Amino acid sequence: TVDPTDPAFDHLGVGETMMIVVGYDIKDAQGATVHQTETITITGTNDQPSLTIADDQGAVSEGDGSALLSDSGALSFSDLDMNDVVTVSATYNGDIAWSDGSLDATLAQALVDGFSVDQDSWDFGASEDLDFLGVGEPITFSYDVVASDDSGAGNDTSAPHTVTITITGANDRRSLTSAYDQGRIGEGYETA
């Protein structure tokens, strides 16, 4: 017997076939035998790709001025179908939030645009001025990352894996600005 659900056939992609030819002898009651063959065709179906992201939390602290903020995490995928081409993509979840109010739309878009994925990692990088953040104040936003194969089948995309980016405010140095940087004191003079 041939079991088409056997993992030995998982490498077959959608529509790919494997032929198995089985030979056997038939013997009648008088002892005469005849040799026969049967051809069994196994047709592949799509196996859904899987995605693994070990570190799905991007955590960075605000720097001074427009300091570069960056973090990344490794990812990997697999697809049992040998000939499928798999690509990784991300979709922003539309959830950027600052704990102390609303963000300027241009700033929010610049932060969101700082996220990308490739075949082996997710990456975040931005150099926006976030000095307005108070100590411990977070800005958070997330992306759903998936691996998709090129089969066109209904199960060609992995389950989504959410990556969340958190930017946390740090203490900024105070600055002192004076309109006067010189003063005079003397007999008969007023101080400036």
Protein backbone atom coordinates (compact mmCIF):
# COMPACT_ATOMS: atom_id res chain seq x y z
CA THR A 1 0.00 0.00 0.00
CA VAL A 2 1.03 3.58 -0.58
CA ASP A 3 0.00 6.27 1.91
CA PRO A 4 -0.10 9.66 0.12
CA THR A 5 -0.10 11.46 3.50
CA ASP A 6 3.31 10.00 4.34
CA PRO A 7 5.84 12.81 5.10
CA ALA A 8 8.08 11.31 2.40
CA PHE A 9 5.83 13.10 -0.14
CA ASP A 10 5.76 16.52 1.61
CA HIS A 11 8.44 17.87 -0.73
CA LEU A 12 5.90 17.86 -3.59
CA GLY A 13 4.44 21.29 -4.27
CA VAL A 14 1.02 22.09 -5.70
CA GLY A 15 0.47 20.06 -8.88
CA GLU A 16 3.88 18.35 -8.77
CA THR A 17 3.64 14.61 -9.28
CA MET A 18 5.59 11.52 -8.41
CA MET A 19 5.02 8.19 -10.16
CA ILE A 20 5.42 4.92 -8.33
CA VAL A 21 5.47 1.79 -10.45
CA VAL A 22 4.61 -1.40 -8.58
CA GLY A 23 5.15 -4.82 -10.15
CA TYR A 24 3.36 -7.94 -9.02
CA ASP A 25 2.59 -11.48 -10.19
CA ILE A 26 -0.85 -13.04 -10.40
CA LYS A 27 -1.05 -16.81 -10.12
CA ASP A 28 -4.18 -18.75 -11.06
CA ALA A 29 -5.42 -22.07 -9.61
CA GLN A 30 -3.58 -24.08 -12.28
CA GLY A 31 -0.24 -22.46 -11.36
CA ALA A 32 0.03 -20.15 -14.36
CA THR A 33 1.44 -16.71 -13.53
CA VAL A 34 1.29 -13.39 -15.27
CA HIS A 35 3.33 -10.33 -14.39
CA GLN A 36 1.42 -7.00 -14.04
CA THR A 37 2.42 -3.42 -13.20
CA GLU A 38 0.44 -0.60 -11.71
CA THR A 39 1.42 3.03 -11.83
CA ILE A 40 0.42 5.12 -8.81
CA THR A 41 0.57 8.89 -9.22
CA ILE A 42 0.98 11.02 -6.11
CA THR A 43 -0.01 14.67 -6.71
CA GLY A 44 1.38 17.32 -4.36
CA THR A 45 -0.61 19.86 -2.41
CA ASN A 46 0.75 23.02 -0.83
CA ASP A 47 2.34 22.86 2.60
CA GLN A 48 1.93 26.13 4.48
CA PRO A 49 5.23 27.88 5.22
CA SER A 50 6.13 28.50 8.85
CA LEU A 51 7.84 31.55 10.34
CA THR A 52 9.91 31.77 13.53
CA ILE A 53 10.93 35.02 15.21
CA ALA A 54 12.91 34.50 18.40
CA ASP A 55 12.95 38.18 19.45
CA ASP A 56 9.70 39.97 18.64
CA GLN A 57 10.22 42.96 20.93
CA GLY A 58 12.23 45.91 19.62
CA ALA A 59 13.31 48.11 22.51
CA VAL A 60 15.27 51.35 22.12
CA SER A 61 15.83 54.39 24.33
CA GLU A 62 15.55 57.92 23.06
CA GLY A 63 18.92 59.55 22.43
CA ASP A 64 19.96 63.19 22.39
CA GLY A 65 18.51 65.13 19.47
CA SER A 66 18.39 63.13 16.28
CA ALA A 67 20.54 60.23 17.48
CA LEU A 68 20.16 57.00 15.50
CA LEU A 69 17.88 54.50 17.23
CA SER A 70 18.14 50.93 16.01
CA ASP A 71 17.28 47.34 16.90
CA SER A 72 16.85 44.10 14.99
CA GLY A 73 15.85 40.50 15.46
CA ALA A 74 16.59 37.25 13.66
CA LEU A 75 13.87 35.37 11.83
CA SER A 76 13.72 32.12 9.90
CA PHE A 77 11.16 30.30 7.80
CA SER A 78 10.64 26.87 6.35
CA ASP A 79 8.49 25.33 3.64
CA LEU A 80 8.29 21.59 3.09
CA ASP A 81 7.63 22.11 -0.63
CA MET A 82 11.13 22.03 -2.12
CA ASN A 83 10.47 24.20 -5.16
CA ASP A 84 8.44 26.97 -3.52
CA VAL A 85 10.01 30.41 -3.36
CA VAL A 86 9.32 32.02 0.01
CA THR A 87 9.39 35.75 0.76
CA VAL A 88 8.99 37.57 4.07
CA SER A 89 6.88 40.72 4.37
CA ALA A 90 5.51 43.01 7.06
CA THR A 91 2.31 45.00 7.44
CA TYR A 92 2.06 47.95 9.84
CA ASN A 93 -0.86 47.51 12.25
CA GLY A 94 -1.84 51.21 12.37
CA ASP A 95 -1.39 51.32 16.14
CA ILE A 96 1.32 53.90 16.93
CA ALA A 97 0.70 55.40 20.36
CA TRP A 98 2.50 57.76 22.72
CA SER A 99 1.66 57.45 26.41
CA ASP A 100 1.34 61.24 26.79
CA GLY A 101 -0.85 62.15 23.83
CA SER A 102 -0.95 62.32 20.05
CA LEU A 103 2.13 62.33 17.85
CA ASP A 104 2.70 64.69 14.95
CA ALA A 105 1.66 62.78 11.80
CA THR A 106 4.99 63.41 10.01
CA LEU A 107 6.98 62.15 13.00
CA ALA A 108 4.73 59.11 13.39
CA GLN A 109 5.13 58.23 9.70
CA ALA A 110 8.92 58.59 9.90
CA LEU A 111 9.04 56.18 12.85
CA VAL A 112 6.73 53.67 11.14
CA ASP A 113 8.80 53.85 7.93
CA GLY A 114 11.91 52.86 9.90
CA PHE A 115 10.85 49.19 10.03
CA SER A 116 11.79 46.61 7.41
CA VAL A 117 12.15 42.85 6.96
CA ASP A 118 14.30 40.66 4.75
CA GLN A 119 14.83 36.92 4.45
CA ASP A 120 16.62 36.57 7.80
CA SER A 121 15.79 39.54 10.05
CA TRP A 122 13.53 42.41 10.99
CA ASP A 123 15.23 45.78 11.38
CA PHE A 124 14.26 49.13 12.88
CA GLY A 125 16.18 52.36 12.48
CA ALA A 126 15.17 55.98 12.91
CA SER A 127 16.93 59.23 13.71
CA GLU A 128 14.06 61.49 14.66
CA ASP A 129 14.33 64.10 17.44
CA LEU A 130 12.40 62.59 20.35
CA ASP A 131 13.67 64.89 23.10
CA PHE A 132 10.05 65.74 23.99
CA LEU A 133 9.69 62.29 25.59
CA GLY A 134 9.84 62.32 29.37
CA VAL A 135 11.73 59.69 31.34
CA GLY A 136 10.00 56.33 30.85
CA GLU A 137 7.37 57.62 28.41
CA PRO A 138 6.93 55.05 25.62
CA ILE A 139 5.98 55.24 21.98
CA THR A 140 4.83 51.83 20.74
CA PHE A 141 3.82 50.44 17.34
CA SER A 142 3.68 47.00 15.76
CA TYR A 143 3.84 45.01 12.53
CA ASP A 144 2.52 41.61 11.47
CA VAL A 145 5.30 39.66 9.75
CA VAL A 146 4.52 36.67 7.49
CA ALA A 147 6.32 34.24 5.20
CA SER A 148 4.52 33.56 1.88
CA ASP A 149 5.27 31.01 -0.80
CA ASP A 150 4.64 31.45 -4.52
CA SER A 151 2.17 28.56 -4.88
CA GLY A 152 -0.94 30.73 -5.07
CA ALA A 153 -2.72 28.19 -2.86
CA GLY A 154 -5.16 29.22 -0.16
CA ASN A 155 -2.63 28.32 2.54
CA ASP A 156 0.42 30.01 0.96
CA THR A 157 1.03 32.35 3.93
CA SER A 158 2.27 31.53 7.41
CA ALA A 159 0.43 32.57 10.53
CA PRO A 160 1.31 36.20 11.31
CA HIS A 161 3.92 36.94 13.96
CA THR A 162 3.66 40.36 15.63
CA VAL A 163 6.80 42.44 16.20
CA THR A 164 6.36 45.39 18.57
CA ILE A 165 8.71 48.39 18.68
CA THR A 166 8.92 50.38 21.92
CA ILE A 167 10.85 53.65 22.13
CA THR A 168 11.29 54.80 25.73
CA GLY A 169 12.05 58.36 26.78
CA ALA A 170 15.27 59.13 28.66
CA ASN A 171 16.33 62.04 30.83
CA ASP A 172 17.60 64.95 28.74
CA ARG A 173 20.13 67.46 30.06
CA ARG A 174 18.74 70.82 30.97
CA SER A 175 20.04 73.79 29.14
CA LEU A 176 20.31 77.38 30.29
CA THR A 177 20.06 80.25 27.89
CA SER A 178 20.74 83.83 28.93
CA ALA A 179 20.17 86.95 26.92
CA TYR A 180 23.13 88.53 28.73
CA ASP A 181 26.48 86.85 28.92
CA GLN A 182 28.38 89.77 30.53
CA GLY A 183 27.70 91.99 33.47
CA ARG A 184 29.39 95.05 34.96
CA ILE A 185 29.64 96.01 38.54
CA GLY A 186 31.42 99.14 39.64
CA GLU A 187 31.04 102.25 41.63
CA GLY A 188 28.37 104.39 40.21
CA TYR A 189 27.21 101.77 37.67
CA GLU A 190 24.07 99.76 37.66
CA THR A 191 24.26 96.02 37.12
CA ALA A 192 23.14 94.68 33.83
